[in-house]
Amino acid sequence: MRASAQRAFTLIEVAAVVVILGLAVTAVTWSLGDRVRSAKLTDVAGELAIRDAMARAAARRTGEASYLRFDLNAGTLSRLDPPLRHPTPPAGTTDRIAELERVSRAVYRLPVGFEFAEIRLADAVHRFGERTIVVSATGVTADYAVRLSDRSGDTIWMLFVGLTGRWMPVADQGMIDAITERLKTDRPDAR
């Protein structure tokens, strides 16, 4: 009888396959990681757009100015609305409600790893501290831009058009510079 020869993989062949699989998994993880970060940055930008729209709607609904307060150090965005007023003050009270400071209705905290890197208006650039954007009773703001960044260095500029409330992402720093420079020269008090 003839002994059947069994063929098996050598240790070197198995090691080579493991290394190739490891490289393939690393490449897939790396490429998906960039997409996940980019999608997260887009989600955060969408949240800011919603907060801006809510402040505009609140101002139009109440007929009074509302405010968006960006705290660049804490990574928060607060919507400040007029205090709630009773149509007629309860008996035995004064109308102290009208004297109260504006009430923070909603505070949005950026997710961990994200920051407001910069806020620009026609007349100022802010990289730290607080900046308040006034939303008029008709829901109009000054044009402004917000630069969002994450830990990996990915950045997105959000340009808010004050008259309409629409926003657009802007990837080019030079374009933001040109737009804010143009806004400076188009202001009525700049002429």
C-alpha atoms as a PDB file:
ATOM      1  CA  MET A   1       0.000   0.000   0.000  1.00  0.00           C
ATOM      2  CA  ARG A   2       1.032   3.385  -0.755  1.00  0.00           C
ATOM      3  CA  ALA A   3       1.152   6.001   1.983  1.00  0.00           C
ATOM      4  CA  SER A   4      -0.860   9.026   1.081  1.00  0.00           C
ATOM      5  CA  ALA A   5       1.109  12.198   1.356  1.00  0.00           C
ATOM      6  CA  GLN A   6      -0.753  14.884   3.228  1.00  0.00           C
ATOM      7  CA  ARG A   7       0.043  18.442   2.388  1.00  0.00           C
ATOM      8  CA  ALA A   8      -0.135  21.060   5.176  1.00  0.00           C
ATOM      9  CA  PHE A   9       0.630  24.753   5.377  1.00  0.00           C
ATOM     10  CA  THR A  10       4.004  25.682   6.718  1.00  0.00           C
ATOM     11  CA  LEU A  11       4.417  28.117   9.567  1.00  0.00           C
ATOM     12  CA  ILE A  12       5.824  30.728   7.187  1.00  0.00           C
ATOM     13  CA  GLU A  13       2.780  30.516   4.904  1.00  0.00           C
ATOM     14  CA  VAL A  14       0.397  30.921   7.833  1.00  0.00           C
ATOM     15  CA  ALA A  15       2.382  33.891   9.166  1.00  0.00           C
ATOM     16  CA  ALA A  16       2.344  35.558   5.731  1.00  0.00           C
ATOM     17  CA  VAL A  17      -1.462  35.230   5.509  1.00  0.00           C
ATOM     18  CA  VAL A  18      -1.884  36.681   9.017  1.00  0.00           C
ATOM     19  CA  VAL A  19       0.323  39.675   8.145  1.00  0.00           C
ATOM     20  CA  ILE A  20      -1.589  40.331   4.908  1.00  0.00           C
ATOM     21  CA  LEU A  21      -4.937  40.153   6.725  1.00  0.00           C
ATOM     22  CA  GLY A  22      -3.622  42.512   9.410  1.00  0.00           C
ATOM     23  CA  LEU A  23      -2.563  45.056   6.792  1.00  0.00           C
ATOM     24  CA  ALA A  24      -5.938  44.825   5.057  1.00  0.00           C
ATOM     25  CA  VAL A  25      -7.819  45.370   8.329  1.00  0.00           C
ATOM     26  CA  THR A  26      -5.588  48.323   9.196  1.00  0.00           C
ATOM     27  CA  ALA A  27      -6.195  49.944   5.799  1.00  0.00           C
ATOM     28  CA  VAL A  28      -9.965  49.543   6.076  1.00  0.00           C
ATOM     29  CA  THR A  29     -10.004  50.884   9.643  1.00  0.00           C
ATOM     30  CA  TRP A  30      -7.875  53.866   8.641  1.00  0.00           C
ATOM     31  CA  SER A  31     -10.091  54.799   5.686  1.00  0.00           C
ATOM     32  CA  LEU A  32     -13.317  54.379   7.671  1.00  0.00           C
ATOM     33  CA  GLY A  33     -11.903  56.419  10.568  1.00  0.00           C
ATOM     34  CA  ASP A  34     -11.548  59.485   8.337  1.00  0.00           C
ATOM     35  CA  ARG A  35     -15.128  59.123   7.124  1.00  0.00           C
ATOM     36  CA  VAL A  36     -16.458  58.701  10.651  1.00  0.00           C
ATOM     37  CA  ARG A  37     -14.598  61.842  11.834  1.00  0.00           C
ATOM     38  CA  SER A  38     -15.846  63.792   8.846  1.00  0.00           C
ATOM     39  CA  ALA A  39     -19.426  62.635   9.443  1.00  0.00           C
ATOM     40  CA  LYS A  40     -19.190  63.596  13.115  1.00  0.00           C
ATOM     41  CA  LEU A  41     -17.935  67.072  12.218  1.00  0.00           C
ATOM     42  CA  THR A  42     -20.852  67.437   9.804  1.00  0.00           C
ATOM     43  CA  ASP A  43     -23.284  66.316  12.530  1.00  0.00           C
ATOM     44  CA  VAL A  44     -21.948  68.936  14.940  1.00  0.00           C
ATOM     45  CA  ALA A  45     -22.261  71.589  12.213  1.00  0.00           C
ATOM     46  CA  GLY A  46     -25.865  70.510  11.685  1.00  0.00           C
ATOM     47  CA  GLU A  47     -26.575  70.894  15.406  1.00  0.00           C
ATOM     48  CA  LEU A  48     -25.240  74.465  15.324  1.00  0.00           C
ATOM     49  CA  ALA A  49     -27.427  75.262  12.330  1.00  0.00           C
ATOM     50  CA  ILE A  50     -30.453  73.952  14.234  1.00  0.00           C
ATOM     51  CA  ARG A  51     -29.585  76.120  17.267  1.00  0.00           C
ATOM     52  CA  ASP A  52     -29.282  79.188  15.064  1.00  0.00           C
ATOM     53  CA  ALA A  53     -32.655  78.448  13.441  1.00  0.00           C
ATOM     54  CA  MET A  54     -34.296  77.923  16.857  1.00  0.00           C
ATOM     55  CA  ALA A  55     -33.043  81.301  18.101  1.00  0.00           C
ATOM     56  CA  ARG A  56     -34.395  83.018  14.989  1.00  0.00           C
ATOM     57  CA  ALA A  57     -37.761  81.289  15.373  1.00  0.00           C
ATOM     58  CA  ALA A  58     -37.958  82.217  19.074  1.00  0.00           C
ATOM     59  CA  ALA A  59     -37.252  85.875  18.283  1.00  0.00           C
ATOM     60  CA  ARG A  60     -39.920  85.985  15.572  1.00  0.00           C
ATOM     61  CA  ARG A  61     -42.424  84.173  17.807  1.00  0.00           C
ATOM     62  CA  THR A  62     -41.965  86.504  20.796  1.00  0.00           C
ATOM     63  CA  GLY A  63     -41.371  89.668  18.796  1.00  0.00           C
ATOM     64  CA  GLU A  64     -38.287  90.380  20.930  1.00  0.00           C
ATOM     65  CA  ALA A  65     -34.575  89.975  20.376  1.00  0.00           C
ATOM     66  CA  SER A  66     -32.941  86.690  21.255  1.00  0.00           C
ATOM     67  CA  TYR A  67     -29.225  86.005  21.634  1.00  0.00           C
ATOM     68  CA  LEU A  68     -26.790  83.257  20.734  1.00  0.00           C
ATOM     69  CA  ARG A  69     -23.882  83.160  23.174  1.00  0.00           C
ATOM     70  CA  PHE A  70     -20.820  81.211  22.065  1.00  0.00           C
ATOM     71  CA  ASP A  71     -18.412  80.339  24.877  1.00  0.00           C
ATOM     72  CA  LEU A  72     -15.265  79.394  23.019  1.00  0.00           C
ATOM     73  CA  ASN A  73     -13.425  78.315  26.176  1.00  0.00           C
ATOM     74  CA  ALA A  74     -16.171  75.990  27.451  1.00  0.00           C
ATOM     75  CA  GLY A  75     -17.338  74.810  24.031  1.00  0.00           C
ATOM     76  CA  THR A  76     -20.966  75.775  24.614  1.00  0.00           C
ATOM     77  CA  LEU A  77     -23.643  77.608  22.678  1.00  0.00           C
ATOM     78  CA  SER A  78     -26.520  79.095  24.685  1.00  0.00           C
ATOM     79  CA  ARG A  79     -29.730  80.604  23.407  1.00  0.00           C
ATOM     80  CA  LEU A  80     -30.820  83.528  25.555  1.00  0.00           C
ATOM     81  CA  ASP A  81     -34.457  84.523  25.259  1.00  0.00           C
ATOM     82  CA  PRO A  82     -36.512  87.252  26.893  1.00  0.00           C
ATOM     83  CA  PRO A  83     -37.846  86.247  30.303  1.00  0.00           C
ATOM     84  CA  LEU A  84     -41.316  84.749  30.361  1.00  0.00           C
ATOM     85  CA  ARG A  85     -43.911  87.344  31.259  1.00  0.00           C
ATOM     86  CA  HIS A  86     -47.361  86.854  32.686  1.00  0.00           C
ATOM     87  CA  PRO A  87     -50.071  88.702  30.776  1.00  0.00           C
ATOM     88  CA  THR A  88     -51.044  90.245  34.094  1.00  0.00           C
ATOM     89  CA  PRO A  89     -48.878  89.960  37.195  1.00  0.00           C
ATOM     90  CA  PRO A  90     -50.343  87.750  39.936  1.00  0.00           C
ATOM     91  CA  ALA A  91     -52.176  89.666  42.659  1.00  0.00           C
ATOM     92  CA  GLY A  92     -49.920  91.230  45.265  1.00  0.00           C
ATOM     93  CA  THR A  93     -46.754  91.069  43.121  1.00  0.00           C
ATOM     94  CA  THR A  94     -44.888  93.641  41.141  1.00  0.00           C
ATOM     95  CA  ASP A  95     -43.833  93.142  37.583  1.00  0.00           C
ATOM     96  CA  ARG A  96     -40.330  92.069  38.620  1.00  0.00           C
ATOM     97  CA  ILE A  97     -40.408  89.468  35.893  1.00  0.00           C
ATOM     98  CA  ALA A  98     -39.773  92.197  33.338  1.00  0.00           C
ATOM     99  CA  GLU A  99     -36.620  93.191  35.211  1.00  0.00           C
ATOM    100  CA  LEU A 100     -35.076  89.716  35.184  1.00  0.00           C
ATOM    101  CA  GLU A 101     -32.058  88.970  33.105  1.00  0.00           C
ATOM    102  CA  ARG A 102     -32.546  87.041  29.911  1.00  0.00           C
ATOM    103  CA  VAL A 103     -33.124  83.373  30.470  1.00  0.00           C
ATOM    104  CA  SER A 104     -30.961  80.661  28.989  1.00  0.00           C
ATOM    105  CA  ARG A 105     -33.444  78.341  27.256  1.00  0.00           C
ATOM    106  CA  ALA A 106     -31.055  75.867  25.700  1.00  0.00           C
ATOM    107  CA  VAL A 107     -27.387  75.121  26.178  1.00  0.00           C
ATOM    108  CA  TYR A 108     -25.591  72.975  23.630  1.00  0.00           C
ATOM    109  CA  ARG A 109     -22.236  71.529  24.626  1.00  0.00           C
ATOM    110  CA  LEU A 110     -19.914  70.418  21.873  1.00  0.00           C
ATOM    111  CA  PRO A 111     -19.033  66.719  21.970  1.00  0.00           C
ATOM    112  CA  VAL A 112     -15.698  65.766  23.511  1.00  0.00           C
ATOM    113  CA  GLY A 113     -12.846  66.474  21.125  1.00  0.00           C
ATOM    114  CA  PHE A 114     -14.561  69.360  19.305  1.00  0.00           C
ATOM    115  CA  GLU A 115     -14.076  73.090  19.782  1.00  0.00           C
ATOM    116  CA  PHE A 116     -15.155  76.467  18.495  1.00  0.00           C
ATOM    117  CA  ALA A 117     -11.795  77.457  17.082  1.00  0.00           C
ATOM    118  CA  GLU A 118     -12.896  80.881  15.875  1.00  0.00           C
ATOM    119  CA  ILE A 119     -15.904  83.130  15.348  1.00  0.00           C
ATOM    120  CA  ARG A 120     -15.820  85.941  12.820  1.00  0.00           C
ATOM    121  CA  LEU A 121     -18.022  88.906  12.217  1.00  0.00           C
ATOM    122  CA  ALA A 122     -17.357  91.776   9.856  1.00  0.00           C
ATOM    123  CA  ASP A 123     -15.819  93.814  12.661  1.00  0.00           C
ATOM    124  CA  ALA A 124     -14.118  91.209  14.871  1.00  0.00           C
ATOM    125  CA  VAL A 125     -12.339  87.875  15.156  1.00  0.00           C
ATOM    126  CA  HIS A 126     -12.763  85.851  18.354  1.00  0.00           C
ATOM    127  CA  ARG A 127     -10.630  82.851  19.309  1.00  0.00           C
ATOM    128  CA  PHE A 128     -11.382  82.664  23.042  1.00  0.00           C
ATOM    129  CA  GLY A 129     -13.873  83.966  25.588  1.00  0.00           C
ATOM    130  CA  GLU A 130     -17.526  84.638  24.857  1.00  0.00           C
ATOM    131  CA  ARG A 131     -19.159  86.142  21.807  1.00  0.00           C
ATOM    132  CA  THR A 132     -22.845  86.999  21.629  1.00  0.00           C
ATOM    133  CA  ILE A 133     -24.738  87.179  18.353  1.00  0.00           C
ATOM    134  CA  VAL A 134     -27.885  89.321  18.519  1.00  0.00           C
ATOM    135  CA  VAL A 135     -30.954  87.886  16.799  1.00  0.00           C
ATOM    136  CA  SER A 136     -33.396  90.732  16.105  1.00  0.00           C
ATOM    137  CA  ALA A 137     -37.132  90.468  16.755  1.00  0.00           C
ATOM    138  CA  THR A 138     -37.537  89.690  13.052  1.00  0.00           C
ATOM    139  CA  GLY A 139     -35.029  86.824  13.221  1.00  0.00           C
ATOM    140  CA  VAL A 140     -32.145  88.634  11.518  1.00  0.00           C
ATOM    141  CA  THR A 141     -28.500  88.554  12.651  1.00  0.00           C
ATOM    142  CA  ALA A 142     -25.282  90.009  11.387  1.00  0.00           C
ATOM    143  CA  ASP A 143     -23.484  87.684   8.974  1.00  0.00           C
ATOM    144  CA  TYR A 144     -21.062  85.506  10.922  1.00  0.00           C
ATOM    145  CA  ALA A 145     -18.778  82.517  10.500  1.00  0.00           C
ATOM    146  CA  VAL A 146     -17.882  79.773  12.967  1.00  0.00           C
ATOM    147  CA  ARG A 147     -14.846  77.505  12.614  1.00  0.00           C
ATOM    148  CA  LEU A 148     -15.333  74.075  14.166  1.00  0.00           C
ATOM    149  CA  SER A 149     -12.321  71.839  14.784  1.00  0.00           C
ATOM    150  CA  ASP A 150     -11.781  68.387  16.164  1.00  0.00           C
ATOM    151  CA  ARG A 151      -8.767  66.770  17.823  1.00  0.00           C
ATOM    152  CA  SER A 152      -7.418  65.375  14.584  1.00  0.00           C
ATOM    153  CA  GLY A 153      -7.197  68.867  13.103  1.00  0.00           C
ATOM    154  CA  ASP A 154     -10.185  68.531  10.769  1.00  0.00           C
ATOM    155  CA  THR A 155     -11.913  71.882  10.384  1.00  0.00           C
ATOM    156  CA  ILE A 156     -15.129  73.165   8.878  1.00  0.00           C
ATOM    157  CA  TRP A 157     -16.177  76.789   8.510  1.00  0.00           C
ATOM    158  CA  MET A 158     -19.882  77.527   8.781  1.00  0.00           C
ATOM    159  CA  LEU A 159     -20.920  80.813   7.188  1.00  0.00           C
ATOM    160  CA  PHE A 160     -24.305  82.059   8.441  1.00  0.00           C
ATOM    161  CA  VAL A 161     -26.105  84.604   6.290  1.00  0.00           C
ATOM    162  CA  GLY A 162     -27.749  86.970   8.725  1.00  0.00           C
ATOM    163  CA  LEU A 163     -30.729  88.025   6.652  1.00  0.00           C
ATOM    164  CA  THR A 164     -31.978  84.546   5.761  1.00  0.00           C
ATOM    165  CA  GLY A 165     -30.412  82.354   8.434  1.00  0.00           C
ATOM    166  CA  ARG A 166     -29.095  79.991   5.801  1.00  0.00           C
ATOM    167  CA  TRP A 167     -25.643  78.592   6.298  1.00  0.00           C
ATOM    168  CA  MET A 168     -23.081  77.010   4.056  1.00  0.00           C
ATOM    169  CA  PRO A 169     -19.924  75.061   4.735  1.00  0.00           C
ATOM    170  CA  VAL A 170     -16.761  76.747   3.527  1.00  0.00           C
ATOM    171  CA  ALA A 171     -13.564  74.703   3.339  1.00  0.00           C
ATOM    172  CA  ASP A 172     -11.187  77.435   2.240  1.00  0.00           C
ATOM    173  CA  GLN A 173      -9.761  79.839   4.836  1.00  0.00           C
ATOM    174  CA  GLY A 174      -8.970  82.307   2.045  1.00  0.00           C
ATOM    175  CA  MET A 175     -12.628  82.449   1.060  1.00  0.00           C
ATOM    176  CA  ILE A 176     -13.655  83.265   4.638  1.00  0.00           C
ATOM    177  CA  ASP A 177     -11.009  86.003   4.729  1.00  0.00           C
ATOM    178  CA  ALA A 178     -12.334  87.467   1.479  1.00  0.00           C
ATOM    179  CA  ILE A 179     -15.960  87.316   2.622  1.00  0.00           C
ATOM    180  CA  THR A 180     -15.312  88.995   5.975  1.00  0.00           C
ATOM    181  CA  GLU A 181     -13.171  91.643   4.274  1.00  0.00           C
ATOM    182  CA  ARG A 182     -15.999  92.305   1.817  1.00  0.00           C
ATOM    183  CA  LEU A 183     -18.492  92.545   4.700  1.00  0.00           C
ATOM    184  CA  LYS A 184     -16.312  95.237   6.275  1.00  0.00           C
ATOM    185  CA  THR A 185     -16.406  97.373   3.155  1.00  0.00           C
ATOM    186  CA  ASP A 186     -20.141  96.819   2.559  1.00  0.00           C
ATOM    187  CA  ARG A 187     -21.179  98.055   5.988  1.00  0.00           C
ATOM    188  CA  PRO A 188     -22.998 101.408   5.860  1.00  0.00           C
ATOM    189  CA  ASP A 189     -20.809 102.870   8.627  1.00  0.00           C
ATOM    190  CA  ALA A 190     -17.617 101.843   6.755  1.00  0.00           C
ATOM    191  CA  ARG A 191     -18.282 104.273   3.890  1.00  0.00           C
END
